[in-house]
Amino acid sequence: MLYTYSIHGYVDMICLYGFCNGNISPARNEYVAQFPNRKLPNKIAFFLKFQRLRETGSFNMVLRADESFAPLQTERRSAIILQHFNQNPPTNIRRSGSELGISRHSYHLQRVQYLLPADMLRWKAFCSCF
């Protein structure tokens, strides 16, 4: 289960992560030393919060450039879904999904292969063999 820290906890994590020059283990040790009564974040929490702050400028997840939903949007979406089913209890999931414009399936990123400009010469050489 995910643990949500206060904004002060996140700020302290980022400060200690920077203080320890981006080294997670010493940052966690320093976090325990400075804040013995707080829950110790796992190693990845330091890095993920730092990355999120660097990429978005916020500790909260926000709508990204590719328009995929993030937790702030997900909370809003959950409220809309709950309200819909409270108002229309007998409706089924498929019909509700189409009415709300929400897929029944989770979003998955798929990695795809693509050619880079540097690959053009190799591509031409390969095609000329046939």
N, C-alpha and C. Protein backbone atom coordinates (compact mmCIF):
# COMPACT_ATOMS: atom_id res chain seq x y z
N MET A 1 0.84 -1.18 0.00
CA MET A 1 0.00 0.00 0.00
C MET A 1 0.88 1.24 0.00
N LEU A 2 0.49 2.23 -0.79
CA LEU A 2 1.26 3.45 -0.88
C LEU A 2 1.02 4.32 0.34
N TYR A 3 2.08 4.95 0.79
CA TYR A 3 1.98 5.86 1.92
C TYR A 3 2.13 7.27 1.39
N THR A 4 1.23 8.15 1.78
CA THR A 4 1.29 9.54 1.34
C THR A 4 1.93 10.38 2.44
N TYR A 5 2.95 11.11 2.08
CA TYR A 5 3.66 11.97 3.02
C TYR A 5 3.09 13.38 2.94
N SER A 6 3.33 14.15 3.98
CA SER A 6 2.91 15.55 3.96
C SER A 6 3.84 16.31 3.02
N ILE A 7 3.43 17.51 2.65
CA ILE A 7 4.26 18.33 1.77
C ILE A 7 5.60 18.64 2.44
N HIS A 8 5.58 18.76 3.77
CA HIS A 8 6.82 19.01 4.51
C HIS A 8 7.74 17.79 4.42
N GLY A 9 7.16 16.61 4.48
CA GLY A 9 7.94 15.39 4.33
C GLY A 9 8.60 15.30 2.97
N TYR A 10 7.85 15.66 1.92
CA TYR A 10 8.40 15.65 0.57
C TYR A 10 9.53 16.66 0.43
N VAL A 11 9.32 17.85 0.99
CA VAL A 11 10.36 18.89 0.92
C VAL A 11 11.62 18.41 1.64
N ASP A 12 11.44 17.80 2.81
CA ASP A 12 12.59 17.30 3.55
C ASP A 12 13.32 16.21 2.77
N MET A 13 12.56 15.34 2.09
CA MET A 13 13.19 14.29 1.27
C MET A 13 14.04 14.91 0.17
N ILE A 14 13.49 15.90 -0.52
CA ILE A 14 14.20 16.54 -1.62
C ILE A 14 15.45 17.26 -1.11
N CYS A 15 15.32 17.97 0.00
CA CYS A 15 16.47 18.68 0.56
C CYS A 15 17.58 17.72 0.94
N LEU A 16 17.23 16.62 1.59
CA LEU A 16 18.25 15.66 2.01
C LEU A 16 18.83 14.91 0.81
N TYR A 17 18.02 14.66 -0.20
CA TYR A 17 18.50 14.01 -1.42
C TYR A 17 19.55 14.90 -2.10
N GLY A 18 19.28 16.21 -2.14
CA GLY A 18 20.25 17.14 -2.70
C GLY A 18 21.47 17.30 -1.81
N PHE A 19 21.24 17.34 -0.50
CA PHE A 19 22.34 17.46 0.46
C PHE A 19 23.32 16.29 0.32
N CYS A 20 22.79 15.12 0.01
CA CYS A 20 23.63 13.92 -0.14
C CYS A 20 24.03 13.69 -1.59
N ASN A 21 23.97 14.75 -2.40
CA ASN A 21 24.40 14.70 -3.80
C ASN A 21 23.70 13.61 -4.61
N GLY A 22 22.42 13.42 -4.38
CA GLY A 22 21.66 12.45 -5.15
C GLY A 22 21.91 11.01 -4.78
N ASN A 23 22.54 10.78 -3.64
CA ASN A 23 22.81 9.42 -3.17
C ASN A 23 21.69 9.02 -2.20
N ILE A 24 20.93 8.01 -2.58
CA ILE A 24 19.71 7.68 -1.84
C ILE A 24 19.99 7.10 -0.46
N SER A 25 20.92 6.18 -0.35
CA SER A 25 21.16 5.53 0.95
C SER A 25 21.57 6.51 2.04
N PRO A 26 22.55 7.40 1.79
CA PRO A 26 22.87 8.39 2.82
C PRO A 26 21.71 9.35 3.09
N ALA A 27 20.91 9.64 2.06
CA ALA A 27 19.76 10.53 2.26
C ALA A 27 18.74 9.89 3.19
N ARG A 28 18.50 8.59 3.03
CA ARG A 28 17.58 7.89 3.93
C ARG A 28 18.13 7.86 5.35
N ASN A 29 19.43 7.59 5.48
CA ASN A 29 20.05 7.57 6.81
C ASN A 29 19.93 8.93 7.49
N GLU A 30 20.16 9.98 6.73
CA GLU A 30 20.06 11.34 7.28
C GLU A 30 18.61 11.66 7.64
N TYR A 31 17.66 11.17 6.84
CA TYR A 31 16.24 11.37 7.11
C TYR A 31 15.86 10.74 8.45
N VAL A 32 16.35 9.52 8.69
CA VAL A 32 16.08 8.84 9.97
C VAL A 32 16.71 9.61 11.12
N ALA A 33 17.92 10.10 10.92
CA ALA A 33 18.62 10.83 11.99
C ALA A 33 17.89 12.13 12.33
N GLN A 34 17.43 12.85 11.31
CA GLN A 34 16.79 14.14 11.55
C GLN A 34 15.32 14.03 11.96
N PHE A 35 14.65 12.99 11.48
CA PHE A 35 13.21 12.84 11.74
C PHE A 35 12.91 11.43 12.24
N PRO A 36 13.30 11.11 13.46
CA PRO A 36 13.14 9.73 13.96
C PRO A 36 11.69 9.31 14.15
N ASN A 37 10.77 10.26 14.29
CA ASN A 37 9.36 9.91 14.53
C ASN A 37 8.55 9.76 13.25
N ARG A 38 9.16 10.03 12.10
CA ARG A 38 8.45 9.92 10.83
C ARG A 38 8.66 8.54 10.21
N LYS A 39 7.73 8.17 9.35
CA LYS A 39 7.86 6.91 8.62
C LYS A 39 9.01 7.04 7.62
N LEU A 40 9.85 6.03 7.57
CA LEU A 40 11.00 6.04 6.67
C LEU A 40 10.54 5.71 5.25
N PRO A 41 10.77 6.62 4.30
CA PRO A 41 10.39 6.32 2.92
C PRO A 41 11.32 5.28 2.31
N ASN A 42 10.79 4.49 1.38
CA ASN A 42 11.66 3.53 0.72
C ASN A 42 12.60 4.25 -0.25
N LYS A 43 13.56 3.52 -0.77
CA LYS A 43 14.59 4.15 -1.60
C LYS A 43 14.02 4.84 -2.82
N ILE A 44 13.05 4.21 -3.44
CA ILE A 44 12.53 4.75 -4.68
C ILE A 44 11.71 6.02 -4.46
N ALA A 45 11.16 6.21 -3.25
CA ALA A 45 10.35 7.41 -2.98
C ALA A 45 11.17 8.68 -3.12
N PHE A 46 12.41 8.65 -2.66
CA PHE A 46 13.27 9.83 -2.80
C PHE A 46 13.45 10.17 -4.27
N PHE A 47 13.80 9.16 -5.04
CA PHE A 47 14.09 9.39 -6.45
C PHE A 47 12.84 9.83 -7.22
N LEU A 48 11.71 9.17 -6.98
CA LEU A 48 10.50 9.50 -7.71
C LEU A 48 10.01 10.91 -7.41
N LYS A 49 10.08 11.31 -6.15
CA LYS A 49 9.65 12.67 -5.81
C LYS A 49 10.58 13.70 -6.44
N PHE A 50 11.87 13.40 -6.45
CA PHE A 50 12.82 14.31 -7.08
C PHE A 50 12.54 14.43 -8.57
N GLN A 51 12.30 13.28 -9.23
CA GLN A 51 12.01 13.29 -10.66
C GLN A 51 10.72 14.05 -10.96
N ARG A 52 9.68 13.82 -10.16
CA ARG A 52 8.40 14.49 -10.39
C ARG A 52 8.56 16.00 -10.23
N LEU A 53 9.28 16.41 -9.20
CA LEU A 53 9.49 17.84 -8.99
C LEU A 53 10.30 18.45 -10.13
N ARG A 54 11.29 17.72 -10.60
CA ARG A 54 12.12 18.21 -11.69
C ARG A 54 11.31 18.31 -12.99
N GLU A 55 10.48 17.31 -13.28
CA GLU A 55 9.76 17.27 -14.55
C GLU A 55 8.52 18.15 -14.57
N THR A 56 7.81 18.25 -13.45
CA THR A 56 6.54 18.97 -13.45
C THR A 56 6.55 20.25 -12.64
N GLY A 57 7.53 20.39 -11.74
CA GLY A 57 7.56 21.56 -10.87
C GLY A 57 6.58 21.45 -9.72
N SER A 58 6.04 20.26 -9.50
CA SER A 58 5.06 20.05 -8.45
C SER A 58 5.25 18.67 -7.84
N PHE A 59 4.89 18.54 -6.57
CA PHE A 59 4.91 17.22 -5.95
C PHE A 59 3.69 16.41 -6.38
N ASN A 60 2.63 17.10 -6.77
CA ASN A 60 1.42 16.42 -7.21
C ASN A 60 1.57 16.01 -8.67
N MET A 61 0.90 14.93 -9.02
CA MET A 61 0.87 14.53 -10.42
C MET A 61 -0.10 15.45 -11.14
N VAL A 62 0.31 15.93 -12.30
CA VAL A 62 -0.53 16.83 -13.08
C VAL A 62 -0.69 16.25 -14.48
N LEU A 63 -1.59 16.83 -15.25
CA LEU A 63 -1.81 16.38 -16.61
C LEU A 63 -0.52 16.58 -17.40
N ARG A 64 -0.03 15.51 -17.99
CA ARG A 64 1.23 15.57 -18.72
C ARG A 64 1.01 16.05 -20.14
N ALA A 65 2.10 16.29 -20.85
CA ALA A 65 2.03 16.79 -22.22
C ALA A 65 1.32 15.80 -23.14
N ASP A 66 1.44 14.50 -22.87
CA ASP A 66 0.78 13.50 -23.72
C ASP A 66 -0.68 13.30 -23.33
N GLU A 67 -1.18 14.14 -22.44
CA GLU A 67 -2.57 14.16 -22.00
C GLU A 67 -3.02 12.87 -21.33
N SER A 68 -2.08 12.09 -20.83
CA SER A 68 -2.48 10.91 -20.06
C SER A 68 -2.83 11.37 -18.65
N PHE A 69 -3.76 10.69 -18.03
CA PHE A 69 -4.24 11.11 -16.73
C PHE A 69 -3.25 10.74 -15.64
N ALA A 70 -3.13 11.61 -14.68
CA ALA A 70 -2.27 11.41 -13.54
C ALA A 70 -3.16 11.42 -12.29
N PRO A 71 -2.62 11.11 -11.11
CA PRO A 71 -3.47 10.99 -9.92
C PRO A 71 -4.42 12.15 -9.64
N LEU A 72 -4.02 13.40 -9.88
CA LEU A 72 -4.95 14.50 -9.63
C LEU A 72 -6.16 14.37 -10.54
N GLN A 73 -5.93 14.02 -11.79
CA GLN A 73 -7.02 13.83 -12.73
C GLN A 73 -7.81 12.58 -12.37
N THR A 74 -7.13 11.56 -11.88
CA THR A 74 -7.79 10.31 -11.52
C THR A 74 -8.76 10.52 -10.37
N GLU A 75 -8.39 11.34 -9.40
CA GLU A 75 -9.30 11.65 -8.29
C GLU A 75 -10.56 12.33 -8.80
N ARG A 76 -10.39 13.27 -9.70
CA ARG A 76 -11.53 13.97 -10.28
C ARG A 76 -12.40 12.99 -11.07
N ARG A 77 -11.75 12.13 -11.83
CA ARG A 77 -12.46 11.13 -12.62
C ARG A 77 -13.22 10.17 -11.71
N SER A 78 -12.61 9.75 -10.62
CA SER A 78 -13.27 8.84 -9.67
C SER A 78 -14.52 9.48 -9.08
N ALA A 79 -14.44 10.76 -8.77
CA ALA A 79 -15.60 11.46 -8.22
C ALA A 79 -16.74 11.50 -9.24
N ILE A 80 -16.40 11.71 -10.51
CA ILE A 80 -17.42 11.74 -11.56
C ILE A 80 -18.07 10.37 -11.71
N ILE A 81 -17.27 9.32 -11.68
CA ILE A 81 -17.80 7.95 -11.81
C ILE A 81 -18.71 7.61 -10.64
N LEU A 82 -18.27 7.92 -9.43
CA LEU A 82 -19.10 7.63 -8.25
C LEU A 82 -20.42 8.39 -8.29
N GLN A 83 -20.35 9.65 -8.69
CA GLN A 83 -21.57 10.45 -8.79
C GLN A 83 -22.51 9.85 -9.84
N HIS A 84 -21.95 9.40 -10.97
CA HIS A 84 -22.76 8.81 -12.03
C HIS A 84 -23.50 7.57 -11.53
N PHE A 85 -22.80 6.68 -10.82
CA PHE A 85 -23.44 5.46 -10.34
C PHE A 85 -24.37 5.70 -9.16
N ASN A 86 -24.14 6.75 -8.39
CA ASN A 86 -25.09 7.10 -7.33
C ASN A 86 -26.40 7.60 -7.92
N GLN A 87 -26.30 8.33 -9.03
CA GLN A 87 -27.50 8.86 -9.67
C GLN A 87 -28.20 7.82 -10.54
N ASN A 88 -27.42 6.87 -11.10
CA ASN A 88 -27.96 5.86 -12.01
C ASN A 88 -27.52 4.47 -11.59
N PRO A 89 -28.02 3.94 -10.48
CA PRO A 89 -27.54 2.64 -9.98
C PRO A 89 -27.71 1.47 -10.94
N PRO A 90 -28.80 1.39 -11.73
CA PRO A 90 -28.96 0.18 -12.54
C PRO A 90 -28.13 0.15 -13.84
N THR A 91 -27.45 1.23 -14.18
CA THR A 91 -26.71 1.23 -15.45
C THR A 91 -25.52 0.29 -15.38
N ASN A 92 -25.17 -0.26 -16.55
CA ASN A 92 -24.04 -1.18 -16.56
C ASN A 92 -22.74 -0.44 -16.87
N ILE A 93 -21.64 -1.14 -16.69
CA ILE A 93 -20.32 -0.52 -16.81
C ILE A 93 -20.03 -0.09 -18.24
N ARG A 94 -20.37 -0.94 -19.20
CA ARG A 94 -20.08 -0.62 -20.60
C ARG A 94 -20.81 0.65 -21.04
N ARG A 95 -22.10 0.74 -20.74
CA ARG A 95 -22.88 1.91 -21.13
C ARG A 95 -22.37 3.16 -20.40
N SER A 96 -22.08 3.02 -19.12
CA SER A 96 -21.57 4.16 -18.35
C SER A 96 -20.24 4.64 -18.90
N GLY A 97 -19.38 3.70 -19.27
CA GLY A 97 -18.09 4.08 -19.84
C GLY A 97 -18.24 4.87 -21.12
N SER A 98 -19.17 4.45 -21.97
CA SER A 98 -19.36 5.18 -23.23
C SER A 98 -20.01 6.55 -22.97
N GLU A 99 -20.92 6.63 -22.01
CA GLU A 99 -21.54 7.92 -21.69
C GLU A 99 -20.54 8.90 -21.10
N LEU A 100 -19.64 8.40 -20.25
CA LEU A 100 -18.67 9.28 -19.60
C LEU A 100 -17.40 9.47 -20.44
N GLY A 101 -17.25 8.66 -21.48
CA GLY A 101 -16.05 8.75 -22.31
C GLY A 101 -14.82 8.20 -21.61
N ILE A 102 -15.02 7.17 -20.78
CA ILE A 102 -13.93 6.58 -20.01
C ILE A 102 -13.81 5.11 -20.39
N SER A 103 -12.62 4.69 -20.72
CA SER A 103 -12.38 3.30 -21.09
C SER A 103 -12.49 2.39 -19.88
N ARG A 104 -12.93 1.15 -20.11
CA ARG A 104 -13.00 0.17 -19.03
C ARG A 104 -11.63 -0.43 -18.76
N HIS A 105 -10.69 -0.20 -19.64
CA HIS A 105 -9.37 -0.80 -19.52
C HIS A 105 -8.35 0.26 -19.11
N SER A 106 -7.39 -0.17 -18.35
CA SER A 106 -6.37 0.78 -17.90
C SER A 106 -5.47 1.17 -19.06
N TYR A 107 -4.81 2.27 -18.90
CA TYR A 107 -3.92 2.82 -19.92
C TYR A 107 -2.55 2.16 -19.81
N HIS A 108 -2.03 1.68 -20.92
CA HIS A 108 -0.71 1.06 -20.92
C HIS A 108 0.16 1.72 -21.98
N LEU A 109 1.34 2.12 -21.58
CA LEU A 109 2.32 2.60 -22.55
C LEU A 109 2.89 1.41 -23.29
N GLN A 110 3.06 1.55 -24.59
CA GLN A 110 3.69 0.50 -25.37
C GLN A 110 4.92 1.08 -26.03
N ARG A 111 6.01 0.39 -25.85
CA ARG A 111 7.24 0.83 -26.51
C ARG A 111 7.19 0.36 -27.96
N VAL A 112 7.56 1.24 -28.87
CA VAL A 112 7.58 0.89 -30.28
C VAL A 112 8.95 1.20 -30.85
N GLN A 113 9.27 0.49 -31.91
CA GLN A 113 10.55 0.75 -32.56
C GLN A 113 10.33 1.82 -33.63
N TYR A 114 11.34 2.62 -33.86
CA TYR A 114 11.26 3.62 -34.90
C TYR A 114 12.67 3.88 -35.42
N LEU A 115 12.74 4.45 -36.61
CA LEU A 115 14.03 4.73 -37.22
C LEU A 115 14.49 6.13 -36.83
N LEU A 116 15.76 6.22 -36.54
CA LEU A 116 16.38 7.51 -36.28
C LEU A 116 17.01 8.00 -37.57
N PRO A 117 17.29 9.29 -37.70
CA PRO A 117 17.93 9.79 -38.92
C PRO A 117 19.25 9.07 -39.23
N ALA A 118 19.97 8.67 -38.20
CA ALA A 118 21.24 7.97 -38.42
C ALA A 118 21.03 6.57 -38.99
N ASP A 119 19.83 6.03 -38.87
CA ASP A 119 19.55 4.69 -39.37
C ASP A 119 19.26 4.66 -40.86
N MET A 120 19.10 5.82 -41.49
CA MET A 120 18.69 5.87 -42.89
C MET A 120 19.69 5.19 -43.82
N LEU A 121 20.99 5.40 -43.59
CA LEU A 121 21.99 4.76 -44.46
C LEU A 121 21.94 3.25 -44.33
N ARG A 122 21.80 2.74 -43.13
CA ARG A 122 21.70 1.29 -42.94
C ARG A 122 20.43 0.75 -43.57
N TRP A 123 19.34 1.52 -43.49
CA TRP A 123 18.08 1.10 -44.08
C TRP A 123 18.21 1.00 -45.60
N LYS A 124 18.85 2.02 -46.22
CA LYS A 124 19.05 2.00 -47.67
C LYS A 124 19.95 0.85 -48.08
N ALA A 125 21.01 0.60 -47.31
CA ALA A 125 21.92 -0.50 -47.62
C ALA A 125 21.19 -1.84 -47.52
N PHE A 126 20.34 -1.99 -46.55
CA PHE A 126 19.58 -3.22 -46.40
C PHE A 126 18.62 -3.41 -47.57
N CYS A 127 17.93 -2.33 -47.96
CA CYS A 127 16.96 -2.44 -49.06
C CYS A 127 17.63 -2.68 -50.40
N SER A 128 18.83 -2.16 -50.59
CA SER A 128 19.51 -2.34 -51.88
C SER A 128 19.95 -3.78 -52.10
N CYS A 129 19.98 -4.58 -51.06
CA CYS A 129 20.36 -5.99 -51.20
C CYS A 129 19.27 -6.81 -51.88
N PHE A 130 18.07 -6.29 -51.95
CA PHE A 130 16.96 -7.07 -52.52
C PHE A 130 16.63 -6.58 -53.87
